[in-house]
Amino acid sequence: MGDQGSWYLLTPGMAFKFNINNSDIPYFSNVIPLILDLDAAQDLDRRK
């Protein structure tokens, strides 16, 4: 996993992208760190 603002390497045969407005920036890439934070928060809630 990369740092915030980094690119993530994908397996060519198992990945796809949405090309919106002719941009090569992955459309949902900014959501990945938020999902990881949510998972950590839910784990913390379960421990309480």
PDB file of N, CA and C in Angstrom:
ATOM      1  N   MET A   1       0.855  -1.169   0.000  1.00  0.00           N
ATOM      2  CA  MET A   1       0.000   0.000   0.000  1.00  0.00           C
ATOM      3  C   MET A   1       0.900   1.231   0.000  1.00  0.00           C
ATOM      4  N   GLY A   2       0.530   2.243  -0.749  1.00  0.00           N
ATOM      5  CA  GLY A   2       1.310   3.463  -0.836  1.00  0.00           C
ATOM      6  C   GLY A   2       0.913   4.476   0.224  1.00  0.00           C
ATOM      7  N   ASP A   3       1.710   5.498   0.338  1.00  0.00           N
ATOM      8  CA  ASP A   3       1.377   6.605   1.240  1.00  0.00           C
ATOM      9  C   ASP A   3       0.268   7.433   0.622  1.00  0.00           C
ATOM     10  N   GLN A   4      -0.310   8.301   1.406  1.00  0.00           N
ATOM     11  CA  GLN A   4      -1.354   9.182   0.886  1.00  0.00           C
ATOM     12  C   GLN A   4      -0.778  10.004  -0.276  1.00  0.00           C
ATOM     13  N   GLY A   5      -1.489  10.047  -1.382  1.00  0.00           N
ATOM     14  CA  GLY A   5      -1.019  10.775  -2.542  1.00  0.00           C
ATOM     15  C   GLY A   5      -0.170   9.947  -3.471  1.00  0.00           C
ATOM     16  N   SER A   6       0.034   8.685  -3.149  1.00  0.00           N
ATOM     17  CA  SER A   6       0.857   7.799  -3.974  1.00  0.00           C
ATOM     18  C   SER A   6      -0.004   7.020  -4.956  1.00  0.00           C
ATOM     19  N   TRP A   7       0.649   6.400  -5.904  1.00  0.00           N
ATOM     20  CA  TRP A   7      -0.024   5.515  -6.852  1.00  0.00           C
ATOM     21  C   TRP A   7       0.007   4.099  -6.311  1.00  0.00           C
ATOM     22  N   TYR A   8      -0.984   3.304  -6.657  1.00  0.00           N
ATOM     23  CA  TYR A   8      -1.068   1.915  -6.260  1.00  0.00           C
ATOM     24  C   TYR A   8      -0.862   1.048  -7.488  1.00  0.00           C
ATOM     25  N   LEU A   9       0.002   0.040  -7.396  1.00  0.00           N
ATOM     26  CA  LEU A   9       0.216  -0.868  -8.509  1.00  0.00           C
ATOM     27  C   LEU A   9      -0.928  -1.873  -8.577  1.00  0.00           C
ATOM     28  N   LEU A  10      -1.440  -2.093  -9.770  1.00  0.00           N
ATOM     29  CA  LEU A  10      -2.544  -3.024  -9.980  1.00  0.00           C
ATOM     30  C   LEU A  10      -2.095  -4.157 -10.875  1.00  0.00           C
ATOM     31  N   THR A  11      -2.694  -5.314 -10.695  1.00  0.00           N
ATOM     32  CA  THR A  11      -2.417  -6.458 -11.556  1.00  0.00           C
ATOM     33  C   THR A  11      -3.136  -6.232 -12.881  1.00  0.00           C
ATOM     34  N   PRO A  12      -2.409  -6.190 -14.016  1.00  0.00           N
ATOM     35  CA  PRO A  12      -3.021  -5.843 -15.301  1.00  0.00           C
ATOM     36  C   PRO A  12      -4.246  -6.670 -15.672  1.00  0.00           C
ATOM     37  N   GLY A  13      -4.247  -7.964 -15.422  1.00  0.00           N
ATOM     38  CA  GLY A  13      -5.373  -8.800 -15.809  1.00  0.00           C
ATOM     39  C   GLY A  13      -6.564  -8.720 -14.876  1.00  0.00           C
ATOM     40  N   MET A  14      -6.404  -8.025 -13.744  1.00  0.00           N
ATOM     41  CA  MET A  14      -7.464  -8.010 -12.740  1.00  0.00           C
ATOM     42  C   MET A  14      -7.904  -6.590 -12.379  1.00  0.00           C
ATOM     43  N   ALA A  15      -7.544  -5.602 -13.183  1.00  0.00           N
ATOM     44  CA  ALA A  15      -7.863  -4.216 -12.854  1.00  0.00           C
ATOM     45  C   ALA A  15      -8.568  -3.537 -14.022  1.00  0.00           C
ATOM     46  N   PHE A  16      -9.284  -2.484 -13.723  1.00  0.00           N
ATOM     47  CA  PHE A  16      -9.908  -1.674 -14.750  1.00  0.00           C
ATOM     48  C   PHE A  16      -9.979  -0.246 -14.232  1.00  0.00           C
ATOM     49  N   LYS A  17     -10.242   0.699 -15.102  1.00  0.00           N
ATOM     50  CA  LYS A  17     -10.361   2.077 -14.665  1.00  0.00           C
ATOM     51  C   LYS A  17     -11.535   2.747 -15.351  1.00  0.00           C
ATOM     52  N   PHE A  18     -12.050   3.777 -14.714  1.00  0.00           N
ATOM     53  CA  PHE A  18     -13.072   4.626 -15.293  1.00  0.00           C
ATOM     54  C   PHE A  18     -12.361   5.858 -15.842  1.00  0.00           C
ATOM     55  N   ASN A  19     -12.507   6.144 -17.099  1.00  0.00           N
ATOM     56  CA  ASN A  19     -11.890   7.315 -17.702  1.00  0.00           C
ATOM     57  C   ASN A  19     -12.937   8.421 -17.780  1.00  0.00           C
ATOM     58  N   ILE A  20     -12.942   9.277 -16.768  1.00  0.00           N
ATOM     59  CA  ILE A  20     -13.919  10.349 -16.676  1.00  0.00           C
ATOM     60  C   ILE A  20     -13.213  11.665 -16.984  1.00  0.00           C
ATOM     61  N   ASN A  21     -13.733  12.411 -17.915  1.00  0.00           N
ATOM     62  CA  ASN A  21     -13.153  13.691 -18.338  1.00  0.00           C
ATOM     63  C   ASN A  21     -11.711  13.537 -18.830  1.00  0.00           C
ATOM     64  N   ASN A  22     -11.419  12.408 -19.483  1.00  0.00           N
ATOM     65  CA  ASN A  22     -10.081  12.128 -20.022  1.00  0.00           C
ATOM     66  C   ASN A  22      -8.973  12.279 -18.984  1.00  0.00           C
ATOM     67  N   SER A  23      -9.236  11.873 -17.764  1.00  0.00           N
ATOM     68  CA  SER A  23      -8.260  11.957 -16.682  1.00  0.00           C
ATOM     69  C   SER A  23      -7.729  10.564 -16.363  1.00  0.00           C
ATOM     70  N   ASP A  24      -6.416  10.444 -16.186  1.00  0.00           N
ATOM     71  CA  ASP A  24      -5.825   9.161 -15.812  1.00  0.00           C
ATOM     72  C   ASP A  24      -5.723   8.987 -14.302  1.00  0.00           C
ATOM     73  N   ILE A  25      -6.201   9.944 -13.546  1.00  0.00           N
ATOM     74  CA  ILE A  25      -6.185   9.826 -12.091  1.00  0.00           C
ATOM     75  C   ILE A  25      -7.301   8.865 -11.684  1.00  0.00           C
ATOM     76  N   PRO A  26      -6.977   7.826 -10.903  1.00  0.00           N
ATOM     77  CA  PRO A  26      -8.016   6.878 -10.475  1.00  0.00           C
ATOM     78  C   PRO A  26      -9.148   7.592  -9.744  1.00  0.00           C
ATOM     79  N   TYR A  27     -10.370   7.359 -10.208  1.00  0.00           N
ATOM     80  CA  TYR A  27     -11.530   8.108  -9.741  1.00  0.00           C
ATOM     81  C   TYR A  27     -11.808   7.935  -8.251  1.00  0.00           C
ATOM     82  N   PHE A  28     -11.680   6.735  -7.725  1.00  0.00           N
ATOM     83  CA  PHE A  28     -12.007   6.480  -6.323  1.00  0.00           C
ATOM     84  C   PHE A  28     -10.771   6.328  -5.438  1.00  0.00           C
ATOM     85  N   SER A  29      -9.604   6.733  -5.917  1.00  0.00           N
ATOM     86  CA  SER A  29      -8.371   6.519  -5.150  1.00  0.00           C
ATOM     87  C   SER A  29      -8.356   7.274  -3.825  1.00  0.00           C
ATOM     88  N   ASN A  30      -9.017   8.419  -3.751  1.00  0.00           N
ATOM     89  CA  ASN A  30      -9.012   9.165  -2.495  1.00  0.00           C
ATOM     90  C   ASN A  30      -9.887   8.511  -1.427  1.00  0.00           C
ATOM     91  N   VAL A  31     -10.682   7.523  -1.802  1.00  0.00           N
ATOM     92  CA  VAL A  31     -11.564   6.850  -0.848  1.00  0.00           C
ATOM     93  C   VAL A  31     -10.835   5.722  -0.107  1.00  0.00           C
ATOM     94  N   ILE A  32      -9.794   5.172  -0.694  1.00  0.00           N
ATOM     95  CA  ILE A  32      -9.103   4.015  -0.099  1.00  0.00           C
ATOM     96  C   ILE A  32      -8.600   4.310   1.317  1.00  0.00           C
ATOM     97  N   PRO A  33      -7.877   5.406   1.570  1.00  0.00           N
ATOM     98  CA  PRO A  33      -7.450   5.663   2.957  1.00  0.00           C
ATOM     99  C   PRO A  33      -8.623   5.853   3.915  1.00  0.00           C
ATOM    100  N   LEU A  34      -9.722   6.433   3.431  1.00  0.00           N
ATOM    101  CA  LEU A  34     -10.897   6.621   4.288  1.00  0.00           C
ATOM    102  C   LEU A  34     -11.515   5.290   4.679  1.00  0.00           C
ATOM    103  N   ILE A  35     -11.533   4.343   3.753  1.00  0.00           N
ATOM    104  CA  ILE A  35     -12.073   3.008   4.046  1.00  0.00           C
ATOM    105  C   ILE A  35     -11.194   2.310   5.080  1.00  0.00           C
ATOM    106  N   LEU A  36      -9.883   2.447   4.943  1.00  0.00           N
ATOM    107  CA  LEU A  36      -8.971   1.843   5.916  1.00  0.00           C
ATOM    108  C   LEU A  36      -9.155   2.467   7.299  1.00  0.00           C
ATOM    109  N   ASP A  37      -9.344   3.789   7.356  1.00  0.00           N
ATOM    110  CA  ASP A  37      -9.605   4.457   8.635  1.00  0.00           C
ATOM    111  C   ASP A  37     -10.923   3.992   9.233  1.00  0.00           C
ATOM    112  N   LEU A  38     -11.945   3.814   8.405  1.00  0.00           N
ATOM    113  CA  LEU A  38     -13.241   3.344   8.886  1.00  0.00           C
ATOM    114  C   LEU A  38     -13.113   1.938   9.462  1.00  0.00           C
ATOM    115  N   ASP A  39     -12.367   1.084   8.789  1.00  0.00           N
ATOM    116  CA  ASP A  39     -12.166  -0.280   9.275  1.00  0.00           C
ATOM    117  C   ASP A  39     -11.469  -0.263  10.640  1.00  0.00           C
ATOM    118  N   ALA A  40     -10.472   0.584  10.793  1.00  0.00           N
ATOM    119  CA  ALA A  40      -9.761   0.690  12.073  1.00  0.00           C
ATOM    120  C   ALA A  40     -10.688   1.221  13.162  1.00  0.00           C
ATOM    121  N   ALA A  41     -11.526   2.197  12.835  1.00  0.00           N
ATOM    122  CA  ALA A  41     -12.464   2.762  13.815  1.00  0.00           C
ATOM    123  C   ALA A  41     -13.500   1.721  14.236  1.00  0.00           C
ATOM    124  N   GLN A  42     -13.979   0.936  13.284  1.00  0.00           N
ATOM    125  CA  GLN A  42     -14.955  -0.107  13.618  1.00  0.00           C
ATOM    126  C   GLN A  42     -14.325  -1.175  14.484  1.00  0.00           C
ATOM    127  N   ASP A  43     -13.060  -1.506  14.230  1.00  0.00           N
ATOM    128  CA  ASP A  43     -12.348  -2.485  15.048  1.00  0.00           C
ATOM    129  C   ASP A  43     -12.204  -1.954  16.477  1.00  0.00           C
ATOM    130  N   LEU A  44     -11.887  -0.674  16.606  1.00  0.00           N
ATOM    131  CA  LEU A  44     -11.757  -0.058  17.919  1.00  0.00           C
ATOM    132  C   LEU A  44     -13.092  -0.084  18.660  1.00  0.00           C
ATOM    133  N   ASP A  45     -14.177   0.198  17.955  1.00  0.00           N
ATOM    134  CA  ASP A  45     -15.521   0.148  18.554  1.00  0.00           C
ATOM    135  C   ASP A  45     -15.842  -1.257  19.058  1.00  0.00           C
ATOM    136  N   ARG A  46     -15.485  -2.260  18.295  1.00  0.00           N
ATOM    137  CA  ARG A  46     -15.759  -3.645  18.710  1.00  0.00           C
ATOM    138  C   ARG A  46     -15.009  -3.996  19.980  1.00  0.00           C
ATOM    139  N   ARG A  47     -13.806  -3.452  20.131  1.00  0.00           N
ATOM    140  CA  ARG A  47     -13.006  -3.751  21.337  1.00  0.00           C
ATOM    141  C   ARG A  47     -13.601  -3.101  22.580  1.00  0.00           C
ATOM    142  N   LYS A  48     -14.263  -1.957  22.390  1.00  0.00           N
ATOM    143  CA  LYS A  48     -14.872  -1.268  23.546  1.00  0.00           C
ATOM    144  C   LYS A  48     -16.061  -2.058  24.022  1.00  0.00           C
TER     145      LYS A  48
END
